[in-house]
N, C-alpha and C. Protein backbone atom coordinates (compact mmCIF):
# COMPACT_ATOMS: atom_id res chain seq x y z
N UNK A 1 3.90 4.03 13.48
CA UNK A 1 2.60 3.43 13.63
C UNK A 1 1.73 4.27 14.57
N UNK A 2 2.32 4.75 15.63
CA UNK A 2 1.55 5.56 16.58
C UNK A 2 1.10 6.87 15.93
N UNK A 3 2.04 7.49 15.22
CA UNK A 3 1.72 8.77 14.59
C UNK A 3 0.68 8.60 13.49
N UNK A 4 0.76 7.51 12.78
CA UNK A 4 -0.22 7.26 11.72
C UNK A 4 -1.62 7.07 12.33
N UNK A 5 -1.69 6.38 13.46
CA UNK A 5 -2.96 6.21 14.16
C UNK A 5 -3.54 7.57 14.52
N UNK A 6 -2.69 8.45 15.05
CA UNK A 6 -3.14 9.79 15.43
C UNK A 6 -3.65 10.54 14.20
N UNK A 7 -2.93 10.43 13.10
CA UNK A 7 -3.34 11.13 11.88
C UNK A 7 -4.69 10.63 11.37
N UNK A 8 -4.94 9.34 11.51
CA UNK A 8 -6.21 8.77 11.04
C UNK A 8 -7.40 9.22 11.88
N UNK A 9 -7.20 9.37 13.20
CA UNK A 9 -8.31 9.70 14.09
C UNK A 9 -8.33 11.17 14.49
N UNK A 10 -7.53 11.99 13.84
CA UNK A 10 -7.43 13.41 14.17
C UNK A 10 -8.76 14.14 14.00
N UNK A 11 -9.56 13.74 13.04
CA UNK A 11 -10.85 14.40 12.81
C UNK A 11 -11.85 14.12 13.93
N UNK A 12 -11.75 12.95 14.55
CA UNK A 12 -12.74 12.53 15.55
C UNK A 12 -12.38 12.93 16.97
N UNK A 13 -11.08 12.97 17.28
CA UNK A 13 -10.63 13.22 18.65
C UNK A 13 -9.59 14.33 18.66
N UNK A 14 -9.39 14.92 19.83
CA UNK A 14 -8.42 16.02 19.90
C UNK A 14 -6.99 15.49 19.80
N UNK A 15 -6.11 16.36 19.29
CA UNK A 15 -4.71 15.98 19.15
C UNK A 15 -4.08 15.70 20.51
N UNK A 16 -4.38 16.52 21.50
CA UNK A 16 -3.81 16.34 22.83
C UNK A 16 -4.22 14.99 23.43
N UNK A 17 -5.50 14.65 23.28
CA UNK A 17 -5.98 13.37 23.81
C UNK A 17 -5.29 12.20 23.11
N UNK A 18 -5.19 12.27 21.78
CA UNK A 18 -4.56 11.18 21.03
C UNK A 18 -3.08 11.04 21.38
N UNK A 19 -2.39 12.16 21.58
CA UNK A 19 -0.98 12.10 21.97
C UNK A 19 -0.82 11.44 23.34
N UNK A 20 -1.69 11.80 24.29
CA UNK A 20 -1.64 11.16 25.61
C UNK A 20 -1.95 9.68 25.50
N UNK A 21 -2.96 9.33 24.72
CA UNK A 21 -3.37 7.94 24.55
C UNK A 21 -2.25 7.09 23.96
N UNK A 22 -1.56 7.62 22.96
CA UNK A 22 -0.50 6.87 22.28
C UNK A 22 0.88 7.09 22.92
N UNK A 23 0.92 7.90 23.97
CA UNK A 23 2.15 8.18 24.72
C UNK A 23 3.25 8.76 23.83
N UNK A 24 2.91 9.78 23.08
CA UNK A 24 3.88 10.51 22.26
C UNK A 24 3.75 12.00 22.57
N UNK A 25 4.81 12.74 22.30
CA UNK A 25 4.77 14.18 22.54
C UNK A 25 4.16 14.90 21.34
N UNK A 26 3.59 16.05 21.63
CA UNK A 26 3.03 16.88 20.57
C UNK A 26 4.15 17.32 19.62
N UNK A 27 5.29 17.60 20.18
CA UNK A 27 6.45 18.00 19.36
C UNK A 27 6.89 16.88 18.42
N UNK A 28 6.88 15.65 18.93
CA UNK A 28 7.23 14.50 18.10
C UNK A 28 6.25 14.31 16.95
N UNK A 29 4.97 14.55 17.23
CA UNK A 29 3.94 14.44 16.19
C UNK A 29 4.17 15.47 15.09
N UNK A 30 4.46 16.71 15.51
CA UNK A 30 4.72 17.77 14.51
C UNK A 30 5.96 17.44 13.68
N UNK A 31 6.99 16.91 14.31
CA UNK A 31 8.22 16.54 13.59
C UNK A 31 7.92 15.42 12.59
N UNK A 32 7.10 14.46 12.98
CA UNK A 32 6.75 13.34 12.09
C UNK A 32 6.00 13.86 10.86
N UNK A 33 5.11 14.83 11.07
CA UNK A 33 4.32 15.35 9.95
C UNK A 33 5.18 16.14 8.96
N UNK A 34 6.24 16.78 9.45
CA UNK A 34 7.12 17.56 8.57
C UNK A 34 8.17 16.70 7.88
N UNK A 35 8.38 15.50 8.38
CA UNK A 35 9.42 14.63 7.82
C UNK A 35 9.05 14.22 6.40
N UNK A 36 10.02 14.27 5.47
CA UNK A 36 9.73 13.84 4.10
C UNK A 36 9.57 12.32 4.03
N UNK A 37 8.92 11.81 2.99
CA UNK A 37 8.77 10.35 2.86
C UNK A 37 10.13 9.66 2.79
N UNK A 38 10.22 8.50 3.40
CA UNK A 38 11.48 7.74 3.39
C UNK A 38 11.74 7.18 2.00
N UNK A 39 12.95 6.67 1.81
CA UNK A 39 13.31 6.07 0.52
C UNK A 39 12.35 4.92 0.18
N UNK A 40 12.04 4.10 1.19
CA UNK A 40 11.13 2.97 0.95
C UNK A 40 9.74 3.46 0.56
N UNK A 41 9.25 4.49 1.23
CA UNK A 41 7.93 5.02 0.90
C UNK A 41 7.89 5.59 -0.51
N UNK A 42 8.96 6.30 -0.90
CA UNK A 42 9.01 6.84 -2.27
C UNK A 42 9.05 5.71 -3.29
N UNK A 43 9.84 4.68 -3.02
CA UNK A 43 9.94 3.54 -3.93
C UNK A 43 8.59 2.81 -4.01
N UNK A 44 7.91 2.66 -2.88
CA UNK A 44 6.59 2.02 -2.87
C UNK A 44 5.58 2.81 -3.70
N UNK A 45 5.66 4.14 -3.65
CA UNK A 45 4.73 4.96 -4.43
C UNK A 45 4.96 4.76 -5.93
N UNK A 46 6.23 4.63 -6.32
CA UNK A 46 6.55 4.37 -7.73
C UNK A 46 6.03 3.00 -8.14
N UNK A 47 6.29 1.99 -7.29
CA UNK A 47 5.81 0.64 -7.59
C UNK A 47 4.28 0.59 -7.64
N UNK A 48 3.63 1.34 -6.77
CA UNK A 48 2.17 1.37 -6.75
C UNK A 48 1.62 1.88 -8.09
N UNK A 49 2.27 2.88 -8.65
CA UNK A 49 1.83 3.39 -9.95
C UNK A 49 1.94 2.30 -11.02
N UNK A 50 3.05 1.57 -11.02
CA UNK A 50 3.23 0.47 -11.98
C UNK A 50 2.20 -0.63 -11.73
N UNK A 51 1.97 -0.96 -10.46
CA UNK A 51 1.02 -2.03 -10.12
C UNK A 51 -0.39 -1.65 -10.57
N UNK A 52 -0.79 -0.40 -10.32
CA UNK A 52 -2.13 0.03 -10.74
C UNK A 52 -2.28 -0.04 -12.25
N UNK A 53 -1.23 0.36 -12.97
CA UNK A 53 -1.30 0.32 -14.44
C UNK A 53 -1.39 -1.12 -14.94
N UNK A 54 -0.57 -2.02 -14.40
CA UNK A 54 -0.61 -3.42 -14.82
C UNK A 54 -1.94 -4.07 -14.42
N UNK A 55 -2.47 -3.67 -13.27
CA UNK A 55 -3.76 -4.20 -12.81
C UNK A 55 -4.86 -3.79 -13.80
N UNK A 56 -4.80 -2.53 -14.25
CA UNK A 56 -5.78 -2.04 -15.22
C UNK A 56 -5.63 -2.77 -16.55
N UNK A 57 -4.39 -2.95 -17.01
CA UNK A 57 -4.16 -3.61 -18.29
C UNK A 57 -4.57 -5.08 -18.27
N UNK A 58 -4.43 -5.72 -17.10
CA UNK A 58 -4.79 -7.14 -16.99
C UNK A 58 -6.27 -7.33 -16.67
N UNK A 59 -7.01 -6.23 -16.65
CA UNK A 59 -8.44 -6.26 -16.29
C UNK A 59 -8.68 -6.85 -14.91
N UNK A 60 -7.73 -6.62 -14.03
CA UNK A 60 -7.86 -7.05 -12.64
C UNK A 60 -7.61 -8.52 -12.40
N UNK A 61 -7.03 -9.22 -13.37
CA UNK A 61 -6.88 -10.67 -13.20
C UNK A 61 -5.53 -11.07 -12.61
N UNK A 62 -4.56 -10.16 -12.55
CA UNK A 62 -3.24 -10.52 -12.04
C UNK A 62 -3.21 -10.47 -10.52
N UNK A 63 -2.72 -11.55 -9.94
CA UNK A 63 -2.47 -11.60 -8.52
C UNK A 63 -1.00 -11.32 -8.25
N UNK A 64 -0.55 -11.66 -7.07
CA UNK A 64 0.82 -11.38 -6.66
C UNK A 64 1.87 -12.01 -7.56
N UNK A 65 1.80 -13.32 -7.89
CA UNK A 65 2.88 -13.92 -8.68
C UNK A 65 3.00 -13.33 -10.09
N UNK A 66 1.88 -13.20 -10.78
CA UNK A 66 1.95 -12.68 -12.15
C UNK A 66 2.28 -11.19 -12.16
N UNK A 67 1.81 -10.47 -11.17
CA UNK A 67 2.13 -9.05 -11.09
C UNK A 67 3.63 -8.87 -10.88
N UNK A 68 4.21 -9.69 -10.01
CA UNK A 68 5.66 -9.62 -9.77
C UNK A 68 6.41 -9.93 -11.06
N UNK A 69 5.98 -10.94 -11.77
CA UNK A 69 6.62 -11.32 -13.03
C UNK A 69 6.55 -10.18 -14.04
N UNK A 70 5.40 -9.54 -14.16
CA UNK A 70 5.24 -8.42 -15.09
C UNK A 70 6.17 -7.26 -14.72
N UNK A 71 6.25 -6.96 -13.43
CA UNK A 71 7.11 -5.86 -12.99
C UNK A 71 8.57 -6.16 -13.26
N UNK A 72 8.97 -7.41 -13.07
CA UNK A 72 10.35 -7.80 -13.36
C UNK A 72 10.64 -7.70 -14.85
N UNK A 73 9.66 -8.04 -15.68
CA UNK A 73 9.83 -7.92 -17.13
C UNK A 73 9.97 -6.46 -17.56
N UNK A 74 9.42 -5.55 -16.76
CA UNK A 74 9.57 -4.13 -17.03
C UNK A 74 10.92 -3.59 -16.54
N UNK A 75 11.71 -4.46 -15.90
CA UNK A 75 13.03 -4.07 -15.43
C UNK A 75 13.08 -3.59 -13.99
N UNK A 76 12.01 -3.80 -13.24
CA UNK A 76 11.98 -3.38 -11.84
C UNK A 76 12.46 -4.51 -10.94
N UNK A 77 13.24 -4.17 -9.93
CA UNK A 77 13.67 -5.16 -8.96
C UNK A 77 12.65 -5.17 -7.82
N UNK A 78 11.90 -6.24 -7.73
CA UNK A 78 10.83 -6.31 -6.74
C UNK A 78 10.58 -7.77 -6.40
N UNK A 79 10.17 -8.02 -5.15
CA UNK A 79 9.86 -9.37 -4.71
C UNK A 79 8.37 -9.55 -4.51
N UNK A 80 7.96 -10.81 -4.41
CA UNK A 80 6.53 -11.11 -4.29
C UNK A 80 5.94 -10.57 -2.99
N UNK A 81 6.69 -10.61 -1.92
CA UNK A 81 6.14 -10.13 -0.64
C UNK A 81 5.89 -8.62 -0.67
N UNK A 82 6.80 -7.89 -1.30
CA UNK A 82 6.61 -6.45 -1.40
C UNK A 82 5.40 -6.13 -2.27
N UNK A 83 5.27 -6.82 -3.38
CA UNK A 83 4.12 -6.63 -4.26
C UNK A 83 2.84 -6.96 -3.51
N UNK A 84 2.85 -8.06 -2.76
CA UNK A 84 1.66 -8.46 -1.99
C UNK A 84 1.30 -7.39 -0.97
N UNK A 85 2.30 -6.84 -0.27
CA UNK A 85 2.04 -5.82 0.74
C UNK A 85 1.46 -4.56 0.11
N UNK A 86 2.04 -4.12 -0.99
CA UNK A 86 1.55 -2.90 -1.65
C UNK A 86 0.13 -3.11 -2.17
N UNK A 87 -0.12 -4.27 -2.77
CA UNK A 87 -1.46 -4.55 -3.28
C UNK A 87 -2.47 -4.61 -2.14
N UNK A 88 -2.11 -5.29 -1.06
CA UNK A 88 -3.02 -5.44 0.08
C UNK A 88 -3.30 -4.08 0.73
N UNK A 89 -2.25 -3.29 0.96
CA UNK A 89 -2.42 -1.99 1.61
C UNK A 89 -3.26 -1.02 0.80
N UNK A 90 -3.31 -1.22 -0.50
CA UNK A 90 -4.04 -0.30 -1.37
C UNK A 90 -5.33 -0.90 -1.92
N UNK A 91 -5.72 -2.06 -1.40
CA UNK A 91 -6.99 -2.67 -1.78
C UNK A 91 -7.05 -3.16 -3.21
N UNK A 92 -5.90 -3.53 -3.77
CA UNK A 92 -5.86 -4.03 -5.14
C UNK A 92 -6.01 -5.55 -5.09
N UNK A 93 -7.13 -6.04 -5.57
CA UNK A 93 -7.43 -7.47 -5.53
C UNK A 93 -7.54 -8.01 -6.94
N UNK A 94 -7.16 -9.27 -7.10
CA UNK A 94 -7.34 -9.89 -8.41
C UNK A 94 -8.69 -10.59 -8.46
N UNK A 95 -9.25 -10.65 -9.66
CA UNK A 95 -10.50 -11.36 -9.88
C UNK A 95 -10.15 -12.72 -10.46
N UNK A 96 -10.72 -13.79 -9.95
CA UNK A 96 -10.46 -15.10 -10.54
C UNK A 96 -11.03 -15.17 -11.95
N UNK A 97 -10.36 -15.91 -12.81
CA UNK A 97 -10.83 -16.07 -14.18
C UNK A 97 -11.76 -17.28 -14.26
N UNK A 98 -12.89 -17.11 -14.91
CA UNK A 98 -13.83 -18.20 -15.09
C UNK A 98 -13.67 -18.77 -16.50
N UNK A 99 -13.61 -20.10 -16.59
CA UNK A 99 -13.44 -20.73 -17.90
C UNK A 99 -14.71 -21.42 -18.38
N UNK A 100 -15.68 -21.51 -17.56
CA UNK A 100 -16.92 -22.17 -17.96
C UNK A 100 -17.99 -21.94 -16.92
N UNK A 101 -18.92 -22.87 -16.85
CA UNK A 101 -20.00 -22.76 -15.89
C UNK A 101 -19.47 -22.97 -14.48
N UNK A 102 -19.22 -21.87 -13.80
CA UNK A 102 -18.82 -21.87 -12.40
C UNK A 102 -17.51 -22.62 -12.15
N UNK A 103 -16.61 -22.63 -13.10
CA UNK A 103 -15.30 -23.26 -12.91
C UNK A 103 -14.24 -22.17 -12.94
N UNK A 104 -13.34 -22.25 -11.99
CA UNK A 104 -12.23 -21.30 -11.95
C UNK A 104 -11.07 -21.85 -12.75
N UNK A 105 -10.33 -20.95 -13.35
CA UNK A 105 -9.16 -21.37 -14.10
C UNK A 105 -8.03 -21.68 -13.15
């Protein structure tokens, strides 16, 4: 979390200042940047691709429960909380379906 904060604000502030602010070493920051993505991060990237595709196919109407159901039907092992986290972190929102004059389905 600290290293990610530094990476986000690297354009605005100096690396040395950010390292002092977050109380991390410059060497630790360099090691973090060279580290390959973890198993969870790689799995999340794969799931994100599936979620984006299903979101596109559903015209943006699928939320967490239906998205999870669709992914399970594709043979993926995934839970609702993980789907919710990935969707939230990537700004994937569902649109409510309207069935009539200002009524939600």
